[in-house]
Protein backbone atom coordinates (compact mmCIF):
# COMPACT_ATOMS: atom_id res chain seq x y z
CA UNK A 1 28.22 -33.95 -8.46
CA UNK A 2 26.20 -35.49 -11.07
CA UNK A 3 23.70 -32.96 -12.41
CA UNK A 4 25.40 -29.97 -11.31
CA UNK A 5 25.94 -27.31 -14.17
CA UNK A 6 29.82 -25.89 -13.26
CA UNK A 7 30.02 -22.02 -13.65
CA UNK A 8 32.48 -19.56 -13.59
CA UNK A 9 33.37 -17.10 -10.71
CA UNK A 10 30.47 -14.47 -10.88
CA UNK A 11 28.54 -15.68 -13.76
CA UNK A 12 25.24 -16.72 -12.05
CA UNK A 13 23.94 -19.61 -12.87
CA UNK A 14 20.10 -20.49 -15.10
CA UNK A 15 17.51 -20.97 -12.03
CA UNK A 16 16.12 -24.49 -12.05
CA UNK A 17 12.43 -24.89 -13.44
CA UNK A 18 10.27 -23.86 -10.71
CA UNK A 19 12.78 -22.15 -8.55
CA UNK A 20 12.80 -18.58 -8.68
CA UNK A 21 15.31 -16.52 -10.04
CA UNK A 22 18.33 -14.94 -8.49
CA UNK A 23 17.81 -12.12 -6.52
CA UNK A 24 19.41 -9.88 -8.54
CA UNK A 25 17.67 -10.80 -10.87
CA UNK A 26 14.86 -10.55 -9.50
CA UNK A 27 15.67 -6.83 -8.22
CA UNK A 28 16.74 -5.75 -11.55
CA UNK A 29 13.65 -6.39 -12.17
CA UNK A 30 11.44 -4.69 -9.87
CA UNK A 31 13.52 -1.49 -9.97
CA UNK A 32 12.80 -1.65 -14.06
CA UNK A 33 9.23 -2.38 -13.89
CA UNK A 34 8.95 0.54 -11.30
CA UNK A 35 11.01 2.89 -13.47
CA UNK A 36 8.98 2.26 -16.18
CA UNK A 37 5.75 2.48 -14.33
CA UNK A 38 6.94 5.75 -12.61
CA UNK A 39 8.85 7.78 -15.91
CA UNK A 40 5.72 6.11 -18.23
CA UNK A 41 3.43 9.32 -18.74
CA UNK A 42 6.02 11.65 -18.90
CA UNK A 43 7.07 9.09 -21.99
CA UNK A 44 3.64 9.12 -23.27
CA UNK A 45 3.74 12.76 -23.29
CA UNK A 46 6.37 13.48 -25.23
CA UNK A 47 5.79 10.82 -27.32
CA UNK A 48 2.64 12.90 -27.92
CA UNK A 49 3.94 16.46 -28.09
CA UNK A 50 6.18 14.04 -30.91
CA UNK A 51 2.95 13.25 -33.13
CA UNK A 52 1.37 16.54 -32.35
CA UNK A 53 4.34 18.95 -33.96
CA UNK A 54 4.82 16.25 -36.76
CA UNK A 55 1.49 16.39 -37.89
CA UNK A 56 0.86 20.10 -37.06
CA UNK A 57 4.65 22.10 -37.05
CA UNK A 58 3.27 24.96 -38.23
CA UNK A 59 0.36 25.74 -35.62
CA UNK A 60 1.50 23.17 -32.84
CA UNK A 61 5.47 22.83 -32.52
CA UNK A 62 5.51 27.34 -32.46
CA UNK A 63 6.41 29.35 -29.01
CA UNK A 64 3.22 31.32 -28.41
CA UNK A 65 1.20 27.97 -28.99
CA UNK A 66 3.55 26.23 -25.99
CA UNK A 67 3.18 29.12 -24.02
CA UNK A 68 -0.59 29.74 -24.03
CA UNK A 69 -0.79 25.36 -23.70
CA UNK A 70 1.42 26.65 -20.08
CA UNK A 71 -0.26 29.57 -19.25
CA UNK A 72 -3.95 28.98 -19.83
CA UNK A 73 -4.34 25.55 -17.48
CA UNK A 74 -2.63 27.43 -14.41
CA UNK A 75 -6.11 27.71 -12.81
CA UNK A 76 -7.14 24.39 -13.12
CA UNK A 77 -3.23 22.97 -12.27
CA UNK A 78 -4.32 24.86 -8.90
CA UNK A 79 -8.27 23.10 -8.54
CA UNK A 80 -6.19 19.82 -9.03
CA UNK A 81 -3.59 21.08 -6.35
CA UNK A 82 -6.26 21.55 -4.08
CA UNK A 83 -7.64 18.05 -4.82
CA UNK A 84 -4.40 16.28 -3.88
CA UNK A 85 -4.88 17.11 -0.48
CA UNK A 86 -8.31 15.50 0.98
CA UNK A 87 -7.57 13.51 -1.32
CA UNK A 88 -4.12 12.30 0.46
CA UNK A 89 -6.10 11.73 3.82
CA UNK A 90 -8.65 9.59 2.25
CA UNK A 91 -11.57 12.65 1.76
CA UNK A 92 -13.36 14.33 -1.69
CA UNK A 93 -13.96 17.64 -1.81
CA UNK A 94 -16.48 18.01 -5.36
CA UNK A 95 -16.90 21.92 -3.78
CA UNK A 96 -13.86 22.90 -5.47
CA UNK A 97 -14.57 24.68 -8.64
CA UNK A 98 -17.99 26.11 -6.84
CA UNK A 99 -15.74 27.87 -4.41
CA UNK A 100 -13.11 29.46 -7.12
CA UNK A 101 -16.49 30.65 -9.19
CA UNK A 102 -17.27 32.50 -5.63
CA UNK A 103 -13.97 34.15 -5.98
CA UNK A 104 -13.82 34.71 -8.63
CA UNK A 105 -17.01 36.54 -8.59
CA UNK A 106 -16.83 37.97 -5.02
CA UNK A 107 -13.86 39.68 -6.24
CA UNK A 108 -15.54 40.95 -9.65
CA UNK A 109 -18.36 41.98 -7.13
CA UNK A 110 -17.52 44.47 -5.22
CA UNK A 111 -14.59 46.27 -7.55
CA UNK A 112 -16.61 46.59 -10.52
CA UNK A 113 -20.36 46.94 -9.03
CA UNK A 114 -19.08 48.22 -5.91
CA UNK A 115 -16.03 50.15 -6.50
CA UNK A 116 -13.76 48.77 -3.97
CA UNK A 117 -9.74 48.48 -4.20
CA UNK A 118 -8.86 44.89 -5.87
CA UNK A 119 -6.54 44.27 -2.64
CA UNK A 120 -9.66 44.39 -0.44
CA UNK A 121 -11.75 42.74 -2.72
CA UNK A 122 -9.30 39.77 -2.81
CA UNK A 123 -9.03 39.36 0.65
CA UNK A 124 -13.18 39.29 1.28
CA UNK A 125 -13.53 36.60 -1.20
CA UNK A 126 -10.28 34.46 0.45
CA UNK A 127 -12.18 34.32 3.11
CA UNK A 128 -15.32 33.45 2.84
CA UNK A 129 -13.14 30.43 0.37
CA UNK A 130 -11.62 30.28 4.19
CA UNK A 131 -15.14 30.23 5.74
CA UNK A 132 -16.38 27.47 3.26
CA UNK A 133 -13.69 25.40 4.18
CA UNK A 134 -14.31 25.53 7.91
CA UNK A 135 -17.16 24.72 7.05
CA UNK A 136 -17.10 21.83 5.02
CA UNK A 137 -14.69 20.84 7.96
CA UNK A 138 -17.78 21.50 10.43
CA UNK A 139 -19.63 18.76 8.15
CA UNK A 140 -17.78 16.24 7.45
CA UNK A 141 -15.10 15.93 10.63
CA UNK A 142 -17.39 17.27 12.74
CA UNK A 143 -20.74 15.96 12.20
CA UNK A 144 -19.75 13.02 9.88
CA UNK A 145 -21.36 13.38 6.73
CA UNK A 146 -19.47 11.14 3.87
CA UNK A 147 -17.31 14.38 2.04
CA UNK A 148 -18.76 13.16 -1.43
CA UNK A 149 -22.39 14.03 -0.50
CA UNK A 150 -21.06 16.86 1.87
CA UNK A 151 -18.84 18.86 -0.66
CA UNK A 152 -21.45 17.64 -3.68
CA UNK A 153 -24.45 19.21 -2.03
CA UNK A 154 -22.03 21.87 -0.14
CA UNK A 155 -20.97 23.07 -4.32
CA UNK A 156 -24.39 23.02 -5.38
CA UNK A 157 -25.18 25.58 -2.52
CA UNK A 158 -22.47 28.04 -3.81
CA UNK A 159 -23.24 27.55 -7.40
CA UNK A 160 -26.52 29.63 -6.70
CA UNK A 161 -24.97 31.83 -3.93
CA UNK A 162 -22.80 32.97 -7.27
CA UNK A 163 -25.96 33.17 -9.39
CA UNK A 164 -27.33 35.34 -6.77
CA UNK A 165 -24.74 37.82 -5.97
CA UNK A 166 -23.73 37.67 -9.57
CA UNK A 167 -27.56 38.15 -10.77
CA UNK A 168 -27.19 35.39 -12.92
CA UNK A 169 -24.71 38.23 -15.27
CA UNK A 170 -21.40 37.75 -16.05
CA UNK A 171 -19.73 40.72 -14.63
CA UNK A 172 -16.76 42.00 -16.44
CA UNK A 173 -14.31 44.63 -16.43
CA UNK A 174 -12.58 43.75 -13.03
CA UNK A 175 -9.59 46.35 -12.07
CA UNK A 176 -6.34 46.30 -14.95
CA UNK A 177 -3.75 45.91 -11.58
CA UNK A 178 -4.99 42.43 -11.69
CA UNK A 179 -4.38 41.31 -14.78
CA UNK A 180 -0.76 42.89 -14.75
CA UNK A 181 0.31 41.13 -11.90
CA UNK A 182 -1.38 37.60 -13.82
CA UNK A 183 -0.98 37.99 -17.41
CA UNK A 184 0.18 41.70 -18.71
CA UNK A 185 3.87 40.07 -17.54
CA UNK A 186 5.83 37.46 -18.57
CA UNK A 187 8.99 35.56 -18.21
CA UNK A 188 10.74 33.75 -21.34
CA UNK A 189 8.14 34.27 -23.11
CA UNK A 190 4.99 33.23 -20.74
CA UNK A 191 2.98 34.42 -18.49
CA UNK A 192 3.41 34.86 -15.22
CA UNK A 193 -0.19 32.63 -13.92
CA UNK A 194 2.23 30.01 -14.75
CA UNK A 195 4.53 30.23 -12.84
CA UNK A 196 1.73 31.15 -10.21
CA UNK A 197 1.07 27.59 -10.39
CA UNK A 198 4.13 26.13 -10.56
CA UNK A 199 5.52 27.65 -6.96
CA UNK A 200 2.32 26.01 -5.31
CA UNK A 201 2.86 23.21 -6.69
CA UNK A 202 6.76 23.13 -5.38
CA UNK A 203 5.56 24.26 -2.26
CA UNK A 204 3.11 21.69 -1.68
CA UNK A 205 5.06 19.07 -3.08
CA UNK A 206 8.10 19.90 -0.17
CA UNK A 207 5.15 19.69 2.12
CA UNK A 208 4.00 16.86 1.40
CA UNK A 209 6.89 14.97 1.00
CA UNK A 210 9.66 16.29 3.50
CA UNK A 211 6.93 17.89 6.54
CA UNK A 212 6.38 16.09 9.34
CA UNK A 213 2.76 16.94 9.18
CA UNK A 214 2.67 16.43 5.26
CA UNK A 215 3.78 12.78 5.90
CA UNK A 216 1.44 12.78 8.69
CA UNK A 217 -1.28 13.72 6.55
CA UNK A 218 -0.23 10.43 3.94
CA UNK A 219 -0.87 8.25 7.54
CA UNK A 220 -4.06 9.75 7.72
CA UNK A 221 -4.88 8.86 4.28
CA UNK A 222 -3.98 5.13 4.36
CA UNK A 223 -5.49 4.31 7.26
CA UNK A 224 -7.29 6.14 9.46
CA UNK A 225 -6.96 3.98 13.14
CA UNK A 226 -3.67 3.26 13.24
CA UNK A 227 -2.89 6.95 11.89
CA UNK A 228 -5.29 7.26 16.18
CA UNK A 229 -3.61 4.24 17.49
CA UNK A 230 0.25 6.20 16.54
CA UNK A 231 -1.18 9.73 18.60
CA UNK A 232 -2.35 11.78 15.02
CA UNK A 233 -4.92 13.84 15.32
CA UNK A 234 -7.10 12.49 12.60
CA UNK A 235 -10.44 15.21 12.51
CA UNK A 236 -6.84 17.75 12.95
CA UNK A 237 -5.67 16.69 9.65
CA UNK A 238 -8.62 16.46 7.16
CA UNK A 239 -10.16 19.49 8.82
CA UNK A 240 -6.76 21.13 7.68
CA UNK A 241 -6.92 19.42 4.12
CA UNK A 242 -10.51 20.63 3.20
CA UNK A 243 -9.70 24.45 4.83
CA UNK A 244 -6.56 24.19 2.35
CA UNK A 245 -8.76 22.64 -0.61
CA UNK A 246 -10.70 25.40 -0.12
CA UNK A 247 -8.27 27.95 0.11
CA UNK A 248 -6.57 26.90 -3.62
CA UNK A 249 -10.29 26.94 -5.18
CA UNK A 250 -10.03 30.80 -3.74
CA UNK A 251 -6.39 31.27 -5.63
CA UNK A 252 -7.57 29.61 -9.15
CA UNK A 253 -10.76 31.84 -8.56
CA UNK A 254 -8.15 34.98 -8.25
CA UNK A 255 -6.70 32.82 -11.23
CA UNK A 256 -9.11 33.71 -13.17
CA UNK A 257 -10.41 36.83 -13.30
CA UNK A 258 -6.98 38.10 -13.04
CA UNK A 259 -6.58 36.29 -17.38
CA UNK A 260 -9.91 37.28 -17.68
CA UNK A 261 -10.89 40.45 -16.32
CA UNK A 262 -13.85 39.23 -15.63
CA UNK A 263 -16.86 36.84 -13.13
CA UNK A 264 -19.45 34.22 -15.24
CA UNK A 265 -20.94 32.32 -13.12
CA UNK A 266 -22.31 29.40 -15.58
CA UNK A 267 -18.00 28.49 -16.25
CA UNK A 268 -16.14 27.35 -13.07
CA UNK A 269 -18.57 23.82 -12.87
CA UNK A 270 -16.67 22.85 -15.76
CA UNK A 271 -13.40 22.33 -13.78
CA UNK A 272 -13.94 19.82 -11.71
CA UNK A 273 -13.86 16.68 -13.51
CA UNK A 274 -11.09 18.41 -15.45
CA UNK A 275 -9.11 18.51 -12.27
CA UNK A 276 -9.94 15.17 -10.71
CA UNK A 277 -9.25 13.16 -13.99
CA UNK A 278 -5.32 15.10 -13.26
CA UNK A 279 -4.92 14.40 -9.87
CA UNK A 280 -6.18 10.52 -10.11
CA UNK A 281 -3.77 10.26 -13.65
CA UNK A 282 -1.46 11.77 -11.93
CA UNK A 283 -1.36 9.16 -9.03
CA UNK A 284 -0.50 6.81 -11.69
CA UNK A 285 2.93 8.16 -12.47
CA UNK A 286 6.70 9.54 -10.84
CA UNK A 287 5.40 8.29 -7.75
CA UNK A 288 2.45 5.54 -8.54
CA UNK A 289 -0.26 5.09 -6.20
CA UNK A 290 0.21 8.52 -4.48
CA UNK A 291 -1.27 11.94 -5.33
CA UNK A 292 1.84 13.89 -5.56
CA UNK A 293 2.15 17.57 -6.87
CA UNK A 294 5.07 16.79 -9.61
CA UNK A 295 2.37 13.76 -11.44
CA UNK A 296 -1.19 16.54 -10.68
CA UNK A 297 1.18 18.72 -13.09
CA UNK A 298 2.43 16.16 -15.51
CA UNK A 299 -1.17 15.00 -16.08
CA UNK A 300 -2.49 19.00 -16.13
CA UNK A 301 0.05 19.19 -19.40
CA UNK A 302 -0.07 16.00 -20.91
CA UNK A 303 -4.32 16.65 -21.02
CA UNK A 304 -3.70 19.60 -22.66
CA UNK A 305 -1.69 19.04 -24.90
CA UNK A 306 -3.11 16.06 -26.21
CA UNK A 307 -7.12 18.10 -26.51
CA UNK A 308 -4.78 21.10 -28.00
CA UNK A 309 -3.06 18.84 -30.60
CA UNK A 310 -6.58 17.02 -31.61
CA UNK A 311 -8.04 20.42 -31.65
CA UNK A 312 -5.84 21.85 -33.98
CA UNK A 313 -6.34 18.56 -36.29
CA UNK A 314 -10.03 19.86 -36.79
CA UNK A 315 -11.85 17.67 -33.90
CA UNK A 316 -14.62 19.15 -32.32
CA UNK A 317 -14.96 20.66 -29.29
CA UNK A 318 -16.90 17.79 -27.49
CA UNK A 319 -13.54 16.17 -27.53
CA UNK A 320 -12.53 17.51 -24.27
CA UNK A 321 -15.46 16.13 -22.55
CA UNK A 322 -14.37 12.48 -24.10
CA UNK A 323 -10.65 13.16 -23.56
CA UNK A 324 -11.46 14.20 -20.43
CA UNK A 325 -13.99 12.07 -18.79
CA UNK A 326 -11.98 9.01 -20.58
CA UNK A 327 -9.13 10.37 -18.62
CA UNK A 328 -10.54 9.92 -15.32
CA UNK A 329 -11.91 6.40 -15.77
CA UNK A 330 -8.57 5.40 -17.09
CA UNK A 331 -6.59 6.71 -14.02
CA UNK A 332 -8.71 4.96 -11.26
CA UNK A 333 -8.49 1.37 -12.88
CA UNK A 334 -4.28 2.33 -13.29
CA UNK A 335 -4.52 3.17 -9.58
CA UNK A 336 -7.36 0.62 -8.84
CA UNK A 337 -4.80 -2.11 -10.76
CA UNK A 338 -1.23 -0.21 -8.51
CA UNK A 339 -2.77 -0.53 -5.61
CA UNK A 340 -2.53 -4.81 -5.61
CA UNK A 341 -6.13 -5.57 -6.47
CA UNK A 342 -6.86 -8.23 -9.03
CA UNK A 343 -9.69 -7.93 -11.27
CA UNK A 344 -11.80 -10.15 -12.22
CA UNK A 345 -14.63 -10.25 -14.50
CA UNK A 346 -16.69 -12.98 -12.74
CA UNK A 347 -17.11 -11.31 -10.43
CA UNK A 348 -19.76 -9.23 -12.61
CA UNK A 349 -21.78 -12.66 -12.16
CA UNK A 350 -21.42 -14.00 -8.26
C-alpha cells in the first residue's frame, strides 16, 4: 500500500507522528520508570556512602563508625515506624516523641528514685504509654478533634508531665541490666538495639503487607468513606493505629533509657522532626506514595549517613536541623508529585 512500511516479522514499526507508542514499548518504559522511582533513594544512599568513604576513608570507612550509625539511630527508627501506622490510616501523631520521653522518665524515676525492679518499671512505663494512646484515640476518633491539633496538645502536655515527675532534672543510674540487654552485647560488631529496631521493622512490614487487617488500615487511609461503605470499622482501625503509635513511642523511650542509662526531660522533642522526615522520605522509595517500614529503614540510615559524613568533614552541629528540615520539605513535595498533583506557580497569584 502506498505510504506503508514493510518490516520483517518480529520487528516493530516506528509509530507515525502523533500516534501513541506501541504497548510493549510503553510497558517497558513504565516498568523502567517504576523501578527507578523505587530504587532512587537506595542508589543515592549508596552514592553518599561512596562519596564520604573517598573523602574521609580513615574515619568514615570504619567498622566502628558504621556500627555507631546503625545502633545510634535505633530509637529514631522505632519512632518513625510508629509514625507511619497512623499516617497510613490518615492521621498524625505529634505526641510520639513526648511519649518516648515519658517512657524513659518513668523507667528512670521508678528504678533510680524509688528502687523499683527494672522489669516492673518498664511494665508501668508501657502501661502509661498505652493509656496515652487510648486517650489520643478518644480525643481524635471519639470526639472528632483533628489529629494534628489533638496530638500536638498531648505532646505538649506530656512534656510538662515529664518535667514535673523528674523535677526538671536528668536522671542517671538506670539499672545496668537494661543497658546490658540493649547495648552491652552485640552481634557482628553491632549493638543489639539495632536488631531490635530491625525486628520491629520486619514485623510491621509483614503486618501491613500480608495481614488482612493491615491491608484494611491502608484502605482506611485512602478513603474513610469508601472503607466504611465496604464494611470496614474505620474508627476501630484509627483507634488501633493511634494506640500502636504510642506503644512504639514507649519502646523508643525504653531503647534510649537502655542506651544512655539515663533519662533527660529535654532531649526527646528533638526526635519528632527527624521521625517525620524519615517517614515521608521513606514514602518516596521502595513503594512510592505509600508509607512502608522498608522505606523508613532506608530513609533513617540515609539521613544519618549524610549527617555523619558532613560532621566528619567539619560541619557544625546545626547541619542536623538543616538536613532533617530539608529532607522533610523535599520528601513531602515528592510525595505530592508522585500522587499526581501538578505543580503550578500560577496558583500563587490566583
